Amino acid sequence: MFLNYIYSILFQHIPESLALAYTSTIFLFEKVFLKKILIIGILNGIIIFFLRLMPVSFGFHTIIFLIVFFVIIKYFYKKNILKSLIAVLKSFILLAVFESIFGYLAVFITGKSVELILSDPFLKSMVMIPQISSLFITGLIVKNYRNKKTDNKVDKNVV
């Protein structure tokens, strides 16, 4: 039982929170500082772990998670409410899309039901790796696209 909690924190909650922190930072047009991303991700991951232990109806955890994450992002980056909320929502939408895609692929590849995958902490953690990686990669792509777009504008003005 204790091992299940360790898997859940180390391979699900914290990596997912780190990816959400990274993409939200990118969507806020903020510089990425590893220390700040780590603090946000670990703090949020631990909070979410304990929130998911609460006996509430399905989906309510997600709403609480969204609110908690929004408050943490707002606190760390000191942006206005609307910008912070939009950045967090964009990150959550991306995560939901990737969860849907890779969840479907996991069911298709393993031949196991969603319930069976979700009931096995190790399998659930392994299924989450592609979706968390995809969220990080999306953040990198957006960041690199913005950097190239900014570099092109600077080059045009210099010439």
Protein backbone atom coordinates (compact mmCIF):
# COMPACT_ATOMS: atom_id res chain seq x y z
CA MET A 1 0.00 0.00 0.00
CA PHE A 2 2.76 2.45 0.96
CA LEU A 3 4.60 1.62 -2.28
CA ASN A 4 1.49 2.61 -4.24
CA TYR A 5 1.61 6.06 -2.64
CA ILE A 6 5.29 6.46 -3.54
CA TYR A 7 4.60 5.50 -7.18
CA SER A 8 1.70 7.89 -7.25
CA ILE A 9 3.67 10.87 -5.89
CA LEU A 10 6.94 10.28 -7.76
CA PHE A 11 5.62 9.12 -11.13
CA GLN A 12 2.26 10.82 -11.40
CA HIS A 13 1.55 13.86 -9.24
CA ILE A 14 4.92 15.60 -9.18
CA PRO A 15 5.83 15.03 -12.87
CA GLU A 16 2.34 16.09 -13.95
CA SER A 17 2.58 19.20 -11.78
CA LEU A 18 6.05 20.01 -13.13
CA ALA A 19 4.77 19.76 -16.70
CA LEU A 20 1.75 21.94 -15.88
CA ALA A 21 4.00 24.49 -14.13
CA TYR A 22 6.34 24.58 -17.13
CA THR A 23 3.61 25.05 -19.74
CA SER A 24 1.78 27.60 -17.60
CA THR A 25 5.04 29.55 -17.27
CA ILE A 26 5.44 29.51 -21.05
CA PHE A 27 1.83 30.63 -21.56
CA LEU A 28 2.43 33.51 -19.13
CA PHE A 29 5.38 34.66 -21.29
CA GLU A 30 7.65 34.32 -18.25
CA LYS A 31 11.26 33.26 -18.23
CA VAL A 32 11.68 29.65 -17.18
CA PHE A 33 13.64 29.26 -13.96
CA LEU A 34 14.20 25.64 -13.00
CA LYS A 35 14.11 26.36 -9.27
CA LYS A 36 10.72 28.07 -9.50
CA ILE A 37 9.27 25.29 -11.68
CA LEU A 38 10.55 22.67 -9.22
CA ILE A 39 9.07 24.47 -6.22
CA ILE A 40 5.69 24.94 -7.92
CA GLY A 41 5.65 21.38 -9.24
CA ILE A 42 6.64 19.65 -6.02
CA LEU A 43 4.36 21.80 -3.87
CA ASN A 44 1.43 21.30 -6.21
CA GLY A 45 2.13 17.58 -6.64
CA ILE A 46 2.06 16.97 -2.90
CA ILE A 47 -1.10 19.04 -2.44
CA ILE A 48 -2.81 17.17 -5.27
CA PHE A 49 -1.78 13.82 -3.85
CA PHE A 50 -3.55 14.62 -0.59
CA LEU A 51 -6.56 16.13 -2.37
CA ARG A 52 -7.03 12.91 -4.34
CA LEU A 53 -7.20 10.98 -1.08
CA MET A 54 -10.33 12.93 -0.13
CA PRO A 55 -13.55 10.94 -0.49
CA VAL A 56 -15.38 13.27 -2.90
CA SER A 57 -17.26 12.57 -6.10
CA PHE A 58 -15.45 12.01 -9.39
CA GLY A 59 -14.36 15.23 -11.09
CA PHE A 60 -14.45 17.34 -7.95
CA HIS A 61 -10.72 16.69 -7.41
CA THR A 62 -10.02 18.23 -10.80
CA ILE A 63 -11.91 21.40 -9.96
CA ILE A 64 -10.05 21.74 -6.66
CA PHE A 65 -6.76 20.95 -8.44
CA LEU A 66 -7.45 23.67 -11.00
CA ILE A 67 -8.20 26.25 -8.30
CA VAL A 68 -5.17 25.31 -6.18
CA PHE A 69 -2.87 25.36 -9.19
CA PHE A 70 -4.27 28.73 -10.30
CA VAL A 71 -3.65 30.21 -6.84
CA ILE A 72 -0.07 28.86 -6.79
CA ILE A 73 0.69 30.22 -10.28
CA LYS A 74 -0.88 33.58 -9.41
CA TYR A 75 1.16 33.76 -6.21
CA PHE A 76 4.52 32.84 -7.78
CA TYR A 77 4.27 34.97 -10.93
CA LYS A 78 2.28 37.95 -9.65
CA LYS A 79 0.34 38.25 -12.92
CA ASN A 80 -3.22 39.49 -13.13
CA ILE A 81 -6.03 37.06 -12.49
CA LEU A 82 -7.16 36.70 -16.10
CA LYS A 83 -3.68 36.01 -17.53
CA SER A 84 -2.95 33.49 -14.79
CA LEU A 85 -6.29 31.75 -15.26
CA ILE A 86 -5.90 31.56 -19.04
CA ALA A 87 -2.38 30.11 -18.75
CA VAL A 88 -3.56 27.47 -16.27
CA LEU A 89 -6.62 26.59 -18.37
CA LYS A 90 -4.51 26.23 -21.53
CA SER A 91 -2.19 23.85 -19.69
CA PHE A 92 -5.09 21.83 -18.30
CA ILE A 93 -6.76 21.59 -21.70
CA LEU A 94 -3.53 20.31 -23.23
CA LEU A 95 -3.18 17.77 -20.42
CA ALA A 96 -6.76 16.59 -20.95
CA VAL A 97 -6.16 16.16 -24.69
CA PHE A 98 -2.96 14.19 -24.09
CA GLU A 99 -4.63 12.09 -21.38
CA SER A 100 -7.42 11.21 -23.80
CA ILE A 101 -5.06 10.31 -26.64
CA PHE A 102 -2.61 8.28 -24.59
CA GLY A 103 -5.31 6.74 -22.42
CA TYR A 104 -7.04 5.43 -25.52
CA LEU A 105 -3.72 4.14 -26.87
CA ALA A 106 -2.94 2.40 -23.56
CA VAL A 107 -6.28 0.60 -23.64
CA PHE A 108 -5.76 -0.33 -27.29
CA ILE A 109 -2.16 -1.54 -26.83
CA THR A 110 -2.56 -3.39 -23.53
CA GLY A 111 -6.05 -4.71 -24.17
CA LYS A 112 -6.91 -3.83 -20.55
CA SER A 113 -9.85 -1.73 -19.44
CA VAL A 114 -9.41 1.81 -18.19
CA GLU A 115 -10.48 0.68 -14.70
CA LEU A 116 -7.82 -2.03 -14.67
CA ILE A 117 -5.10 0.38 -15.81
CA LEU A 118 -6.13 2.98 -13.22
CA SER A 119 -6.25 0.41 -10.42
CA ASP A 120 -2.61 -0.63 -10.97
CA PRO A 121 -0.44 2.25 -9.66
CA PHE A 122 2.66 1.15 -11.56
CA LEU A 123 0.83 0.68 -14.88
CA LYS A 124 -1.02 3.96 -14.38
CA SER A 125 2.29 5.75 -13.76
CA MET A 126 3.84 4.23 -16.88
CA VAL A 127 0.84 5.23 -19.00
CA MET A 128 1.25 8.81 -17.79
CA ILE A 129 4.84 9.17 -19.02
CA PRO A 130 3.89 9.87 -22.67
CA GLN A 131 1.23 12.43 -21.77
CA ILE A 132 3.50 14.28 -19.36
CA SER A 133 6.34 14.17 -21.90
CA SER A 134 3.98 15.51 -24.57
CA LEU A 135 3.02 18.40 -22.32
CA PHE A 136 6.69 19.30 -21.77
CA ILE A 137 7.41 18.98 -25.51
CA THR A 138 4.47 21.23 -26.34
CA GLY A 139 5.83 23.84 -23.94
CA LEU A 140 9.25 23.60 -25.59
CA ILE A 141 7.75 23.97 -29.06
CA VAL A 142 5.74 27.03 -28.03
CA LYS A 143 8.78 28.56 -26.35
CA ASN A 144 11.03 27.92 -29.37
CA TYR A 145 8.40 29.24 -31.77
CA ARG A 146 8.10 32.44 -29.75
CA ASN A 147 11.89 32.82 -29.59
CA LYS A 148 12.20 32.41 -33.37
CA LYS A 149 9.32 34.79 -33.96
CA THR A 150 10.95 37.37 -31.66
CA ASP A 151 14.37 36.85 -33.30
CA ASN A 152 12.86 37.41 -36.75
CA LYS A 153 11.26 40.67 -35.63
CA VAL A 154 14.56 41.89 -34.20
CA ASP A 155 16.42 40.94 -37.37
CA LYS A 156 13.93 42.79 -39.59
CA ASN A 157 14.23 45.94 -37.49
CA VAL A 158 18.02 45.85 -37.53
CA VAL A 159 18.24 45.52 -41.30
